[in-house]
Amino acid sequence: MAAQSPRERSIEQIRSLLERAGFYVADTHAIRPTSFDLAARRDATLLLVKVLKNIDALDSEEAARLRELGDLFPAITVVIGQTSGASELDPGVVYTRYGVPIINEETLEEYLEKALPPFLYASPGGTFAQVDGQRLRELRDERSLSLGTLASIAGVSRRAIQLYEEGAGAEALVVERIETFLGETIVRPIALFDWSVHVRKGAREGTPEEKEATPPASRPQPRTGDAFRDGVVRQLDGMGLEVTVTVRAPFDALARTPDVLLAAAGSLRTALHRAEVLHGLARVAEGHALFVVPDPVPRPSYAGLPILTISELRRHRDPDELLEEITEREGP
């Protein structure tokens, strides 16, 4: 057996950590290419996790794909990293690259196993914390402290203290000075898994009136760049499903029935390679998956993944009928 790479060991440790915290986890890192390594669900929280040794490897394109997948499911996206350049990532600090939050493994462990959220975030110019402005104002009033007095203690201007009381972020060193003087916490914790994915989803979908006002013919036809896969996508799209072609994912397209439907197409060999991963992803997403092949196959499913030929897919004109057949083939 080949020795595990440091990244593979990290993925295994993070998977174990998520499972101990009550998440059901699907491991996708063995399927290449992929924009995320783990998908995990606990109750209503769905995560897409990317694991990197050096977070500088996350470029704008990869981050955009990860964010797009987060919008599609919808899910919370997070990168777990170890270093930035030659420097280790600090525990308890949330970093950001191209709109994707990044933490180290220790921060995730503290959050999941000790209920200790991070309080600091990295930003150009240093490390900051979000001030609880109302709490700071209350403490200052209780102790009859002027803006000038607190500003002098913190080493900032009076205007800066006013901004903190309005909820602005403050440098970690400034926060430390104020908290040491007051003997009280004045910052808000960062809720890692509390982004409003449903709001983003609603904004992406638009209102029913806006949908109705858009003629179907004006909607661009999604394409994968492969003739056979394009045919599968056209067939799903022709049923009236909301289909989005994906890039660098274990599936070729994501559709809604209205449940999530992960669709992939290709040879039976590819289907067998991806079967366990696609089935696991569908379970985590609380949806379904199918794989479409060009020629007849001996079995209707492999490892819980329904396999349909392109001819069988073309017999369906109604999404409900297709979903019924997929559900039958998923088995118990």
Protein backbone atom coordinates (compact mmCIF):
# COMPACT_ATOMS: atom_id res chain seq x y z
CA MET A 1 0.00 0.00 0.00
CA ALA A 2 1.34 3.44 -0.97
CA ALA A 3 2.06 5.81 1.87
CA GLN A 4 -0.46 8.60 2.40
CA SER A 5 0.58 12.11 1.45
CA PRO A 6 0.34 14.84 4.12
CA ARG A 7 -2.73 16.21 2.32
CA GLU A 8 -4.44 12.80 2.31
CA ARG A 9 -3.73 12.39 6.02
CA SER A 10 -5.22 15.83 6.64
CA ILE A 11 -8.35 14.94 4.64
CA GLU A 12 -8.73 11.74 6.66
CA GLN A 13 -8.32 13.60 9.96
CA ILE A 14 -10.86 16.26 8.96
CA ARG A 15 -13.32 13.59 7.83
CA SER A 16 -12.95 11.83 11.19
CA LEU A 17 -13.40 15.15 13.01
CA LEU A 18 -16.62 15.90 11.10
CA GLU A 19 -17.99 12.40 11.72
CA ARG A 20 -17.28 12.66 15.45
CA ALA A 21 -19.22 15.93 15.42
CA GLY A 22 -22.26 14.17 13.98
CA PHE A 23 -21.84 14.94 10.28
CA TYR A 24 -22.54 12.40 7.55
CA VAL A 25 -19.55 12.72 5.21
CA ALA A 26 -18.91 11.89 1.55
CA ASP A 27 -15.26 11.79 0.49
CA THR A 28 -14.73 13.04 -3.08
CA HIS A 29 -11.00 13.73 -3.09
CA ALA A 30 -10.10 10.57 -5.03
CA ILE A 31 -12.15 11.75 -8.04
CA ARG A 32 -10.19 14.10 -10.24
CA PRO A 33 -10.71 16.84 -11.06
CA THR A 34 -12.79 18.17 -8.18
CA SER A 35 -13.18 21.56 -6.54
CA PHE A 36 -13.94 20.10 -3.10
CA ASP A 37 -12.64 17.12 -1.13
CA LEU A 38 -15.43 16.44 1.37
CA ALA A 39 -19.17 17.05 1.51
CA ALA A 40 -20.76 16.84 4.95
CA ARG A 41 -24.24 17.29 6.37
CA ARG A 42 -25.53 17.68 9.90
CA ASP A 43 -29.22 18.54 10.12
CA ALA A 44 -29.75 21.58 7.86
CA THR A 45 -26.03 22.38 7.58
CA LEU A 46 -24.38 21.23 4.35
CA LEU A 47 -20.63 21.83 3.94
CA LEU A 48 -18.31 21.61 0.95
CA VAL A 49 -14.74 21.36 2.24
CA LYS A 50 -11.53 21.91 0.29
CA VAL A 51 -8.25 20.86 1.94
CA LEU A 52 -4.98 22.58 1.00
CA LYS A 53 -1.51 22.56 2.51
CA ASN A 54 -0.72 26.09 1.29
CA ILE A 55 -3.77 28.32 0.83
CA ASP A 56 -1.92 30.35 -1.81
CA ALA A 57 -2.71 27.44 -4.16
CA LEU A 58 -6.34 28.59 -4.20
CA ASP A 59 -6.62 30.76 -7.31
CA SER A 60 -9.54 32.93 -8.39
CA GLU A 61 -10.93 30.32 -10.83
CA GLU A 62 -10.95 27.51 -8.27
CA ALA A 63 -12.52 29.79 -5.67
CA ALA A 64 -15.22 30.86 -8.15
CA ARG A 65 -16.07 27.21 -8.90
CA LEU A 66 -16.24 26.40 -5.20
CA ARG A 67 -18.53 29.37 -4.54
CA GLU A 68 -20.73 28.42 -7.51
CA LEU A 69 -21.14 24.87 -6.20
CA GLY A 70 -22.00 26.31 -2.80
CA ASP A 71 -24.73 28.39 -4.41
CA LEU A 72 -26.08 25.45 -6.42
CA PHE A 73 -26.66 22.96 -3.59
CA PRO A 74 -26.84 25.38 -1.58
CA ALA A 75 -23.99 24.72 0.86
CA ILE A 76 -21.44 26.49 3.02
CA THR A 77 -17.99 26.39 1.47
CA VAL A 78 -14.83 26.39 3.56
CA VAL A 79 -11.14 25.74 2.91
CA ILE A 80 -9.00 24.04 5.55
CA GLY A 81 -5.35 25.06 5.13
CA GLN A 82 -2.03 24.82 6.95
CA THR A 83 0.18 27.60 5.64
CA SER A 84 0.25 30.80 3.63
CA GLY A 85 3.65 31.08 2.01
CA ALA A 86 6.15 30.02 4.67
CA SER A 87 3.91 31.02 7.60
CA GLU A 88 1.58 28.74 9.54
CA LEU A 89 -2.06 29.77 9.72
CA ASP A 90 -2.98 30.95 13.21
CA PRO A 91 -5.65 29.07 15.18
CA GLY A 92 -8.80 31.03 15.96
CA VAL A 93 -8.39 33.23 12.86
CA VAL A 94 -10.60 33.20 9.75
CA TYR A 95 -8.74 34.02 6.53
CA THR A 96 -10.31 34.80 3.17
CA ARG A 97 -9.25 34.25 -0.45
CA TYR A 98 -11.52 35.40 -3.29
CA GLY A 99 -14.58 35.34 -1.05
CA VAL A 100 -13.96 31.85 0.39
CA PRO A 101 -13.41 31.52 4.17
CA ILE A 102 -10.27 29.66 5.25
CA ILE A 103 -9.35 28.22 8.66
CA ASN A 104 -6.81 25.73 9.92
CA GLU A 105 -7.63 22.29 11.30
CA GLU A 106 -7.16 23.39 14.92
CA THR A 107 -9.78 26.13 14.48
CA LEU A 108 -12.25 23.62 13.04
CA GLU A 109 -11.56 21.18 15.88
CA GLU A 110 -12.09 23.85 18.55
CA TYR A 111 -15.35 24.93 16.88
CA LEU A 112 -16.78 21.42 16.51
CA GLU A 113 -15.53 19.66 19.64
CA LYS A 114 -15.21 22.47 22.19
CA ALA A 115 -17.86 24.91 20.87
CA LEU A 116 -15.15 27.60 20.73
CA PRO A 117 -15.80 29.86 17.73
CA PRO A 118 -13.06 32.00 16.21
CA PHE A 119 -13.09 35.70 17.09
CA LEU A 120 -10.45 37.04 14.68
CA TYR A 121 -10.31 37.50 10.94
CA ALA A 122 -7.32 38.31 8.74
CA SER A 123 -7.60 41.32 6.48
CA PRO A 124 -5.13 43.52 4.59
CA GLY A 125 -3.31 45.45 7.26
CA GLY A 126 -3.51 42.91 10.05
CA THR A 127 -5.78 40.75 12.19
CA PHE A 128 -9.13 42.16 13.30
CA ALA A 129 -12.17 41.35 15.43
CA GLN A 130 -15.78 42.43 15.07
CA VAL A 131 -16.62 44.71 17.99
CA ASP A 132 -19.92 44.37 19.81
CA GLY A 133 -20.63 48.09 19.65
CA GLN A 134 -23.60 48.10 22.00
CA ARG A 135 -21.66 46.20 24.67
CA LEU A 136 -18.70 48.54 24.36
CA ARG A 137 -20.94 51.60 24.69
CA GLU A 138 -22.69 50.11 27.74
CA LEU A 139 -19.37 49.38 29.47
CA ARG A 140 -18.06 52.87 28.74
CA ASP A 141 -21.25 54.49 30.07
CA GLU A 142 -21.31 52.29 33.20
CA ARG A 143 -17.80 53.42 34.07
CA SER A 144 -18.28 57.05 33.03
CA LEU A 145 -15.42 56.85 30.55
CA SER A 146 -15.14 59.52 27.89
CA LEU A 147 -14.34 58.73 24.26
CA GLY A 148 -10.99 60.44 24.75
CA THR A 149 -10.07 58.36 27.79
CA LEU A 150 -10.83 55.06 26.09
CA ALA A 151 -9.12 56.25 22.91
CA SER A 152 -5.98 57.05 24.87
CA ILE A 153 -5.99 53.62 26.52
CA ALA A 154 -6.53 51.86 23.17
CA GLY A 155 -3.98 54.00 21.33
CA VAL A 156 -6.47 55.16 18.69
CA SER A 157 -8.49 58.27 17.87
CA ARG A 158 -11.83 59.29 19.41
CA ARG A 159 -13.42 58.71 16.00
CA ALA A 160 -12.12 55.13 16.01
CA ILE A 161 -13.87 54.46 19.34
CA GLN A 162 -17.08 55.89 17.87
CA LEU A 163 -16.76 53.52 14.90
CA TYR A 164 -16.18 50.56 17.22
CA GLU A 165 -19.37 51.48 19.08
CA GLU A 166 -21.15 51.41 15.72
CA GLY A 167 -19.92 47.83 15.20
CA ALA A 168 -16.77 48.37 13.13
CA GLY A 169 -13.88 45.93 13.21
CA ALA A 170 -10.84 46.68 15.35
CA GLU A 171 -7.26 45.46 15.23
CA ALA A 172 -6.55 42.56 17.57
CA LEU A 173 -3.98 44.57 19.54
CA VAL A 174 -6.48 47.41 20.08
CA VAL A 175 -9.14 44.94 21.23
CA GLU A 176 -6.66 43.37 23.63
CA ARG A 177 -5.86 46.78 25.19
CA ILE A 178 -9.55 47.66 25.65
CA GLU A 179 -10.52 44.24 27.04
CA THR A 180 -7.55 44.23 29.44
CA PHE A 181 -8.55 47.65 30.75
CA LEU A 182 -12.28 46.88 31.03
CA GLY A 183 -11.87 43.26 32.15
CA GLU A 184 -14.69 42.32 29.77
CA THR A 185 -15.06 40.79 26.31
CA ILE A 186 -16.16 43.31 23.67
CA VAL A 187 -16.05 41.28 20.44
CA ARG A 188 -18.54 39.08 18.64
CA PRO A 189 -17.68 35.45 17.76
CA ILE A 190 -17.59 34.41 14.11
CA ALA A 191 -20.29 31.82 13.38
CA LEU A 192 -18.51 29.63 10.84
CA PHE A 193 -21.59 27.69 9.73
CA ASP A 194 -24.14 30.49 9.82
CA TRP A 195 -23.92 32.06 6.37
CA SER A 196 -27.30 32.76 4.79
CA VAL A 197 -27.06 30.30 1.90
CA HIS A 198 -30.82 30.24 1.48
CA VAL A 199 -30.94 33.99 0.89
CA ARG A 200 -28.25 33.66 -1.78
CA LYS A 201 -30.17 30.80 -3.35
CA GLY A 202 -33.36 32.85 -3.47
CA ALA A 203 -31.55 35.76 -5.06
CA ARG A 204 -30.11 33.45 -7.72
CA GLU A 205 -33.45 31.87 -8.57
CA GLY A 206 -35.46 35.09 -8.81
CA THR A 207 -39.18 35.51 -8.19
CA PRO A 208 -41.85 33.37 -9.93
CA GLU A 209 -42.99 36.48 -11.83
CA GLU A 210 -39.45 37.11 -13.11
CA LYS A 211 -39.16 33.50 -14.25
CA GLU A 212 -42.49 33.65 -16.06
CA ALA A 213 -41.47 36.89 -17.79
CA THR A 214 -38.38 35.23 -19.28
CA PRO A 215 -39.19 33.27 -22.45
CA PRO A 216 -37.77 29.71 -22.34
CA ALA A 217 -36.10 30.23 -25.72
CA SER A 218 -34.00 33.08 -24.32
CA ARG A 219 -32.35 30.83 -21.74
CA PRO A 220 -28.88 29.72 -22.94
CA GLN A 221 -28.47 25.99 -23.53
CA PRO A 222 -26.03 24.55 -20.94
CA ARG A 223 -23.05 22.75 -22.46
CA THR A 224 -20.32 20.47 -21.14
CA GLY A 225 -18.07 20.51 -24.21
CA ASP A 226 -18.59 16.77 -24.85
CA ALA A 227 -21.16 15.65 -27.45
CA PHE A 228 -22.56 12.73 -25.43
CA ARG A 229 -22.73 14.67 -22.17
CA ASP A 230 -24.31 17.60 -23.99
CA GLY A 231 -27.02 15.25 -25.23
CA VAL A 232 -27.75 14.09 -21.68
CA VAL A 233 -27.88 17.68 -20.43
CA ARG A 234 -30.21 18.68 -23.29
CA GLN A 235 -32.51 15.80 -22.42
CA LEU A 236 -32.73 16.85 -18.77
CA ASP A 237 -33.09 20.48 -19.74
CA GLY A 238 -35.88 19.58 -22.17
CA MET A 239 -37.90 18.08 -19.32
CA GLY A 240 -38.15 21.54 -17.80
CA LEU A 241 -35.56 20.88 -15.08
CA GLU A 242 -33.31 23.66 -13.82
CA VAL A 243 -29.97 22.33 -15.08
CA THR A 244 -26.52 23.80 -14.42
CA VAL A 245 -23.39 22.34 -15.99
CA THR A 246 -20.57 21.99 -13.45
CA VAL A 247 -16.79 22.14 -13.86
CA ARG A 248 -14.28 20.22 -11.74
CA ALA A 249 -16.93 18.22 -9.89
CA PRO A 250 -17.60 14.46 -9.65
CA PHE A 251 -20.85 15.11 -11.57
CA ASP A 252 -21.35 16.84 -14.93
CA ALA A 253 -24.51 18.75 -14.09
CA LEU A 254 -26.80 19.56 -11.19
CA ALA A 255 -30.55 19.65 -11.75
CA ARG A 256 -33.60 20.08 -9.50
CA THR A 257 -36.65 17.82 -9.38
CA PRO A 258 -37.15 19.90 -7.03
CA ASP A 259 -34.67 17.80 -4.98
CA VAL A 260 -31.02 17.96 -5.97
CA LEU A 261 -30.22 15.61 -8.87
CA LEU A 262 -26.54 15.00 -9.62
CA ALA A 263 -26.14 13.81 -13.21
CA ALA A 264 -23.05 12.36 -14.86
CA ALA A 265 -22.49 10.70 -18.22
CA GLY A 266 -19.81 8.59 -19.88
CA SER A 267 -18.59 5.02 -20.08
CA LEU A 268 -19.57 2.22 -17.73
CA ARG A 269 -15.97 2.15 -16.51
CA THR A 270 -16.25 5.79 -15.45
CA ALA A 271 -19.59 5.06 -13.80
CA LEU A 272 -18.05 2.25 -11.75
CA HIS A 273 -15.18 4.52 -10.70
CA ARG A 274 -17.55 7.25 -9.52
CA ALA A 275 -20.46 5.14 -8.26
CA GLU A 276 -19.65 5.13 -4.55
CA VAL A 277 -18.75 8.83 -4.51
CA LEU A 278 -21.86 9.95 -6.42
CA HIS A 279 -24.13 7.80 -4.28
CA GLY A 280 -22.54 9.21 -1.12
CA LEU A 281 -22.84 12.78 -2.39
CA ALA A 282 -26.52 12.28 -3.22
CA ARG A 283 -27.15 11.02 0.32
CA VAL A 284 -25.30 13.96 1.86
CA ALA A 285 -27.24 16.40 -0.35
CA GLU A 286 -30.49 14.59 0.51
CA GLY A 287 -31.13 14.20 -3.19
CA HIS A 288 -30.48 11.74 -6.00
CA ALA A 289 -27.81 10.86 -8.55
CA LEU A 290 -27.79 9.08 -11.88
CA PHE A 291 -25.19 8.08 -14.43
CA VAL A 292 -26.06 7.85 -18.13
CA VAL A 293 -24.14 5.49 -20.41
CA PRO A 294 -24.36 5.01 -24.22
CA ASP A 295 -24.88 1.23 -24.28
CA PRO A 296 -26.94 -1.34 -22.31
CA VAL A 297 -25.42 -2.56 -19.02
CA PRO A 298 -25.95 -5.79 -17.05
CA ARG A 299 -27.34 -4.10 -13.91
CA PRO A 300 -29.67 -1.14 -13.21
CA SER A 301 -27.36 0.25 -10.52
CA TYR A 302 -23.88 -0.10 -9.03
CA ALA A 303 -23.07 0.73 -5.39
CA GLY A 304 -26.48 2.37 -5.11
CA LEU A 305 -25.94 4.60 -8.18
CA PRO A 306 -28.72 4.23 -10.80
CA ILE A 307 -27.38 3.62 -14.33
CA LEU A 308 -29.55 4.54 -17.31
CA THR A 309 -28.74 4.21 -20.99
CA ILE A 310 -29.27 7.26 -23.16
CA SER A 311 -32.20 5.44 -24.81
CA GLU A 312 -33.84 4.86 -21.42
CA LEU A 313 -33.35 8.52 -20.52
CA ARG A 314 -34.93 9.66 -23.80
CA ARG A 315 -38.10 7.71 -23.04
CA HIS A 316 -38.81 10.13 -20.22
CA ARG A 317 -40.59 13.40 -20.90
CA ASP A 318 -41.69 14.05 -17.34
CA PRO A 319 -39.27 14.73 -14.42
CA ASP A 320 -41.53 12.91 -11.95
CA GLU A 321 -41.40 9.72 -14.03
CA LEU A 322 -37.63 9.98 -14.30
CA LEU A 323 -37.31 10.49 -10.55
CA GLU A 324 -39.56 7.50 -9.93
CA GLU A 325 -37.31 5.26 -12.03
CA ILE A 326 -34.17 6.64 -10.35
CA THR A 327 -35.66 5.98 -6.92
CA GLU A 328 -36.56 2.39 -7.87
CA ARG A 329 -33.02 1.73 -9.06
CA GLU A 330 -31.42 3.20 -5.94
CA GLY A 331 -32.67 0.18 -4.03
CA PRO A 332 -33.13 -0.05 -0.27
